């Protein structure tokens, strides 16, 4: 009975040492008699008791690693306090176990030295502008060396860049001056645009006034021309009607009578003026001669001379 109990206890101990359950996203490195044997994958696995042992356990998840803050010197000899965070993942459990005594410390130290090297090639202003380039170069430098450690470096991010206080004050003064400069430029541009708008408005108003005056003068000229034309047409029509009336029977006598009436009226007006000395012709036949001369002029305008035939 005692032997059975002892055997049962030994079987339980062998069972516990032989059966291994590996969690998901984990890899366990097994050594057999002190030598690397295999890497257990997630799930149920069996080992040879007292021969095989789990020497290393690795997580295959992405691991964030804080890189301690350090002082870096830029190309223009400015000190920067820089810290960051590194993301890596174990891809080869065997190399992660035997490639380095402590791959976490190795990756951290390599990240620091690579960061100092990259920042040393840049000037101060570029370090703030080209963070993505710095991150990419650090990842590239670490990833090449980390392959021997069974580690894949995924990315590196700079958390903070802190220059000295004197540099911060100078940068703040530069930013303030730049903002004031932009404000002055904006104000001058506003005044310039205002003056341009005023000049443009005045020019357009002057053009509009000149166009209005021009149109008014054109309208006045057209009105005067139309009036002159109307008067000329009316005068021509009156002359034409008078000429037609003269051609009618008794027309010449009417003209003679009208001329005589005008002559008598003229003598009457002259005689009514007290300041005018009137000399009456001694022979009244001169009046009839004046009327006869007027009639000859009327007849001359009525009947044009016959063209000369050669």
Protein backbone atom coordinates (compact mmCIF):
# COMPACT_ATOMS: atom_id res chain seq x y z
CA UNK A 1 0.00 0.00 0.00
CA UNK A 2 2.77 2.41 0.87
CA UNK A 3 4.56 1.56 -2.36
CA UNK A 4 1.40 2.33 -4.34
CA UNK A 5 1.05 5.71 -2.69
CA UNK A 6 4.69 6.48 -3.43
CA UNK A 7 4.28 5.48 -7.07
CA UNK A 8 1.15 7.61 -7.35
CA UNK A 9 2.96 10.62 -5.96
CA UNK A 10 5.86 10.06 -8.35
CA UNK A 11 3.41 9.76 -11.28
CA UNK A 12 1.74 13.02 -10.31
CA UNK A 13 5.10 14.76 -10.08
CA UNK A 14 6.12 13.36 -13.46
CA UNK A 15 2.79 14.48 -14.91
CA UNK A 16 3.21 18.04 -13.64
CA UNK A 17 6.74 18.23 -15.01
CA UNK A 18 5.84 16.64 -18.32
CA UNK A 19 2.72 18.64 -19.21
CA UNK A 20 3.07 22.29 -20.16
CA UNK A 21 0.31 24.68 -21.34
CA UNK A 22 1.70 27.73 -23.17
CA UNK A 23 -0.59 30.84 -23.21
CA UNK A 24 -1.48 32.63 -26.42
CA UNK A 25 1.13 35.08 -27.79
CA UNK A 26 3.86 33.41 -25.74
CA UNK A 27 6.84 31.22 -26.60
CA UNK A 28 8.79 29.06 -24.14
CA UNK A 29 12.33 27.94 -24.84
CA UNK A 30 13.06 24.33 -23.78
CA UNK A 31 16.56 23.07 -22.96
CA UNK A 32 17.36 19.37 -22.91
CA UNK A 33 20.24 18.53 -20.66
CA UNK A 34 21.38 22.14 -20.72
CA UNK A 35 21.21 22.55 -24.52
CA UNK A 36 18.60 24.34 -26.62
CA UNK A 37 16.00 21.84 -27.75
CA UNK A 38 12.87 23.62 -29.03
CA UNK A 39 10.49 26.54 -28.55
CA UNK A 40 7.02 25.62 -27.34
CA UNK A 41 4.14 27.22 -29.21
CA UNK A 42 0.84 28.26 -27.56
CA UNK A 43 -1.21 25.26 -26.46
CA UNK A 44 -0.56 21.89 -24.78
CA UNK A 45 2.97 20.44 -24.92
CA UNK A 46 4.77 17.49 -23.32
CA UNK A 47 8.30 17.42 -21.90
CA UNK A 48 10.57 14.67 -20.68
CA UNK A 49 10.66 15.04 -16.90
CA UNK A 50 14.05 15.80 -15.36
CA UNK A 51 15.54 15.93 -18.87
CA UNK A 52 13.75 18.90 -20.42
CA UNK A 53 13.20 22.19 -18.68
CA UNK A 54 11.68 25.53 -19.66
CA UNK A 55 14.66 27.89 -19.61
CA UNK A 56 13.10 31.10 -20.99
CA UNK A 57 9.63 32.48 -21.39
CA UNK A 58 9.00 35.23 -23.93
CA UNK A 59 5.96 37.32 -24.73
CA UNK A 60 5.34 37.77 -28.44
CA UNK A 61 3.20 40.86 -27.92
CA UNK A 62 4.31 44.37 -28.89
CA UNK A 63 6.23 45.80 -25.95
CA UNK A 64 6.50 49.56 -25.22
CA UNK A 65 9.81 50.53 -23.66
CA UNK A 66 10.59 53.92 -22.15
CA UNK A 67 13.96 55.22 -23.23
CA UNK A 68 15.48 57.25 -20.38
CA UNK A 69 15.98 60.96 -20.87
CA UNK A 70 19.42 62.00 -22.06
CA UNK A 71 21.32 65.08 -23.19
CA UNK A 72 22.00 65.32 -26.93
CA UNK A 73 24.15 67.95 -28.66
CA UNK A 74 22.97 69.31 -32.00
CA UNK A 75 25.13 70.27 -34.97
CA UNK A 76 25.16 73.91 -33.85
CA UNK A 77 26.38 72.90 -30.35
CA UNK A 78 23.07 73.25 -28.53
CA UNK A 79 22.16 70.85 -25.75
CA UNK A 80 18.77 69.13 -25.86
CA UNK A 81 17.11 67.01 -23.21
CA UNK A 82 15.47 64.18 -25.17
CA UNK A 83 13.36 61.24 -24.08
CA UNK A 84 11.30 58.81 -26.09
CA UNK A 85 9.47 55.52 -26.22
CA UNK A 86 10.41 52.43 -28.22
CA UNK A 87 8.05 49.74 -29.48
CA UNK A 88 9.50 46.30 -30.23
CA UNK A 89 8.45 42.66 -30.51
CA UNK A 90 10.19 39.32 -30.00
CA UNK A 91 10.18 37.47 -33.31
CA UNK A 92 12.75 34.70 -32.63
CA UNK A 93 12.57 33.19 -29.11
CA UNK A 94 15.83 31.23 -29.54
CA UNK A 95 17.87 34.33 -30.47
CA UNK A 96 16.12 36.40 -27.82
CA UNK A 97 17.27 33.80 -25.29
CA UNK A 98 20.85 33.28 -26.41
CA UNK A 99 21.69 36.25 -28.65
CA UNK A 100 22.02 38.70 -25.76
CA UNK A 101 22.15 38.41 -22.01
CA UNK A 102 19.46 41.08 -21.75
CA UNK A 103 17.98 42.25 -25.02
CA UNK A 104 15.86 44.94 -23.31
CA UNK A 105 18.93 46.71 -21.93
CA UNK A 106 20.69 46.25 -25.27
CA UNK A 107 17.82 47.79 -27.23
CA UNK A 108 17.55 50.69 -24.77
CA UNK A 109 21.25 51.52 -24.94
CA UNK A 110 21.29 51.24 -28.71
CA UNK A 111 18.25 53.56 -28.96
CA UNK A 112 20.05 56.18 -26.88
CA UNK A 113 23.29 56.06 -28.85
CA UNK A 114 21.43 56.09 -32.20
CA UNK A 115 19.36 59.09 -31.09
CA UNK A 116 22.49 61.03 -30.09
CA UNK A 117 24.07 60.23 -33.45
CA UNK A 118 21.01 61.33 -35.46
CA UNK A 119 20.47 64.57 -33.52
CA UNK A 120 24.17 65.42 -33.77
CA UNK A 121 23.75 65.70 -37.55
CA UNK A 122 20.92 68.24 -37.31
CA UNK A 123 20.68 71.87 -36.28
CA UNK A 124 18.39 72.96 -33.46
CA UNK A 125 15.53 74.19 -35.64
CA UNK A 126 15.58 71.02 -37.73
CA UNK A 127 15.20 68.80 -34.66
CA UNK A 128 11.77 70.31 -34.02
CA UNK A 129 10.73 70.22 -37.67
CA UNK A 130 11.97 66.72 -38.60
CA UNK A 131 10.81 64.48 -35.79
CA UNK A 132 9.47 61.89 -38.21
CA UNK A 133 12.87 61.67 -39.93
CA UNK A 134 14.64 61.30 -36.57
CA UNK A 135 12.25 58.54 -35.51
CA UNK A 136 12.70 56.66 -38.79
CA UNK A 137 16.51 56.85 -38.65
CA UNK A 138 16.59 55.62 -35.04
CA UNK A 139 14.35 52.67 -35.92
CA UNK A 140 16.54 51.79 -38.89
CA UNK A 141 19.73 51.88 -36.83
CA UNK A 142 18.30 49.75 -34.01
CA UNK A 143 16.53 47.25 -36.25
CA UNK A 144 19.72 46.24 -38.05
CA UNK A 145 21.45 45.28 -34.79
CA UNK A 146 18.35 43.86 -33.09
CA UNK A 147 17.98 41.08 -35.68
CA UNK A 148 20.74 39.13 -33.88
CA UNK A 149 18.76 39.43 -30.67
CA UNK A 150 15.55 38.00 -32.11
CA UNK A 151 13.82 41.35 -31.71
CA UNK A 152 11.96 43.43 -34.30
CA UNK A 153 11.90 47.19 -33.61
CA UNK A 154 8.56 48.52 -34.84
CA UNK A 155 8.79 52.27 -34.20
CA UNK A 156 10.35 54.96 -32.03
CA UNK A 157 8.64 58.14 -30.89
CA UNK A 158 10.26 61.20 -29.33
CA UNK A 159 8.15 62.22 -26.38
CA UNK A 160 9.83 65.49 -25.54
CA UNK A 161 12.58 67.80 -26.76
CA UNK A 162 13.64 70.31 -24.10
CA UNK A 163 16.29 72.91 -24.94
CA UNK A 164 17.98 75.01 -22.21
CA UNK A 165 16.08 77.90 -20.65
CA UNK A 166 18.16 80.50 -22.49
CA UNK A 167 17.31 78.88 -25.81
CA UNK A 168 13.64 78.73 -24.83
CA UNK A 169 13.62 82.47 -24.03
CA UNK A 170 15.35 83.26 -27.32
CA UNK A 171 12.90 81.09 -29.24
CA UNK A 172 9.97 82.75 -27.50
CA UNK A 173 11.36 86.19 -28.34
CA UNK A 174 11.83 85.10 -31.95
CA UNK A 175 8.27 83.80 -32.13
CA UNK A 176 6.95 87.05 -30.61
CA UNK A 177 8.95 89.14 -33.09
CA UNK A 178 7.73 87.00 -35.97
CA UNK A 179 4.12 87.40 -34.88
CA UNK A 180 4.54 91.16 -34.52
CA UNK A 181 6.12 91.25 -37.97
CA UNK A 182 3.18 89.34 -39.45
CA UNK A 183 0.77 91.70 -37.67
CA UNK A 184 2.54 94.77 -39.09
CA UNK A 185 2.58 93.23 -42.54
CA UNK A 186 -1.11 92.41 -42.29
CA UNK A 187 -1.91 95.95 -41.14
CA UNK A 188 0.14 97.49 -43.96
CA UNK A 189 -1.52 95.18 -46.47
CA UNK A 190 -4.88 96.27 -45.12
CA UNK A 191 -4.00 99.95 -45.47
CA UNK A 192 -2.62 99.32 -48.95
CA UNK A 193 -5.77 97.51 -49.98
CA UNK A 194 -7.87 100.29 -48.48
CA UNK A 195 -6.00 102.93 -50.48
CA UNK A 196 -6.32 100.82 -53.62
CA UNK A 197 -10.05 100.47 -53.03
CA UNK A 198 -10.46 104.22 -52.45
CA UNK A 199 -8.43 105.08 -55.57
CA UNK A 200 -10.35 102.53 -57.59
CA UNK A 201 -13.66 103.94 -56.35
CA UNK A 202 -12.64 107.50 -57.13
CA UNK A 203 -11.44 106.50 -60.58
CA UNK A 204 -14.67 104.65 -61.31
CA UNK A 205 -16.71 107.59 -60.00
CA UNK A 206 -14.71 110.03 -62.17
CA UNK A 207 -15.21 107.78 -65.20
CA UNK A 208 -18.92 107.54 -64.44
CA UNK A 209 -19.20 111.34 -64.11
CA UNK A 210 -17.24 111.92 -67.31
CA UNK A 211 -19.38 109.36 -69.14
CA UNK A 212 -22.48 111.12 -67.84
CA UNK A 213 -21.21 114.54 -68.90
CA UNK A 214 -20.21 113.13 -72.28
CA UNK A 215 -23.65 111.61 -72.76
CA UNK A 216 -25.29 114.87 -71.65
CA UNK A 217 -23.23 116.85 -74.17
CA UNK A 218 -24.10 114.31 -76.87
CA UNK A 219 -27.76 114.60 -75.99
CA UNK A 220 -27.59 118.42 -76.00
CA UNK A 221 -25.78 118.42 -79.34
CA UNK A 222 -28.29 115.99 -80.79
CA UNK A 223 -31.14 118.15 -79.43
CA UNK A 224 -29.66 121.32 -80.91
CA UNK A 225 -29.04 119.58 -84.22
CA UNK A 226 -32.61 118.30 -84.23
CA UNK A 227 -33.90 121.80 -83.40
CA UNK A 228 -31.80 123.40 -86.16
CA UNK A 229 -32.96 120.75 -88.58
CA UNK A 230 -36.58 121.29 -87.56
CA UNK A 231 -36.25 125.07 -87.96
CA UNK A 232 -34.54 124.62 -91.35
CA UNK A 233 -37.23 122.22 -92.48
CA UNK A 234 -39.97 124.57 -91.24
CA UNK A 235 -38.28 127.55 -92.99
CA UNK A 236 -37.88 125.55 -96.19
CA UNK A 237 -41.50 124.47 -96.00
CA UNK A 238 -42.60 128.08 -95.43
CA UNK A 239 -40.51 129.30 -98.36
CA UNK A 240 -41.90 126.53 -100.53
CA UNK A 241 -45.46 127.44 -99.60
CA UNK A 242 -44.77 131.16 -100.25
CA UNK A 243 -43.28 130.28 -103.63
CA UNK A 244 -46.34 128.18 -104.45
CA UNK A 245 -48.61 131.00 -103.32
CA UNK A 246 -46.76 133.48 -105.53
CA UNK A 247 -47.29 131.24 -108.56
CA UNK A 248 -51.02 131.34 -107.99
CA UNK A 249 -53.12 133.97 -109.77
CA UNK A 250 -52.91 137.27 -107.86
CA UNK A 251 -49.84 136.11 -105.95
CA UNK A 252 -47.57 138.82 -107.25
CA UNK A 253 -50.10 141.51 -106.37
CA UNK A 254 -50.30 140.07 -102.86
CA UNK A 255 -46.54 140.25 -102.56
CA UNK A 256 -46.50 143.83 -103.77
CA UNK A 257 -49.16 144.70 -101.26
CA UNK A 258 -47.22 143.00 -98.46
CA UNK A 259 -44.00 144.76 -99.38
CA UNK A 260 -45.83 148.08 -99.49
CA UNK A 261 -47.33 147.41 -96.08
CA UNK A 262 -43.92 146.59 -94.65
CA UNK A 263 -42.43 149.74 -96.10
CA UNK A 264 -45.23 151.88 -94.66
CA UNK A 265 -44.81 150.16 -91.28
CA UNK A 266 -41.07 150.82 -91.36
CA UNK A 267 -41.64 154.52 -92.12
CA UNK A 268 -44.23 154.64 -89.33
CA UNK A 269 -41.84 153.17 -86.74
CA UNK A 270 -39.07 155.51 -87.76
CA UNK A 271 -41.40 158.49 -87.59
CA UNK A 272 -42.68 157.52 -84.11
CA UNK A 273 -39.18 157.67 -82.67
CA UNK A 274 -38.60 161.15 -81.22
CA UNK A 275 -34.84 160.92 -81.41
CA UNK A 276 -34.78 160.03 -85.09
CA UNK A 277 -34.80 162.63 -87.86
CA UNK A 278 -36.90 161.38 -90.78
CA UNK A 279 -36.18 162.60 -94.31
CA UNK A 280 -39.14 161.91 -96.52
CA UNK A 281 -38.36 161.51 -100.20
CA UNK A 282 -39.70 164.28 -102.32
CA UNK A 283 -40.74 161.89 -104.99
CA UNK A 284 -42.99 159.10 -103.73
CA UNK A 285 -42.30 157.17 -106.90
CA UNK A 286 -39.11 156.03 -105.20
CA UNK A 287 -41.27 153.88 -102.92
CA UNK A 288 -42.90 152.24 -105.91
CA UNK A 289 -39.43 151.74 -107.40
CA UNK A 290 -38.38 150.01 -104.16
CA UNK A 291 -41.41 147.73 -104.41
CA UNK A 292 -40.65 147.01 -108.07
CA UNK A 293 -37.07 146.04 -107.17
CA UNK A 294 -38.33 143.66 -104.48
CA UNK A 295 -40.71 142.07 -106.97
CA UNK A 296 -37.87 141.56 -109.48
CA UNK A 297 -35.89 139.75 -106.76
CA UNK A 298 -38.88 137.53 -106.01
CA UNK A 299 -39.34 136.74 -109.69
CA UNK A 300 -35.61 136.01 -110.01
CA UNK A 301 -35.73 133.49 -107.20
CA UNK A 302 -38.89 131.93 -108.65
CA UNK A 303 -37.68 131.44 -112.29
CA UNK A 304 -34.06 130.23 -112.55
CA UNK A 305 -32.11 131.43 -115.61
CA UNK A 306 -32.01 129.15 -118.58
CA UNK A 307 -28.70 127.32 -119.04
CA UNK A 308 -26.37 128.71 -121.69
CA UNK A 309 -26.12 126.50 -124.76
CA UNK A 310 -22.81 126.44 -126.53
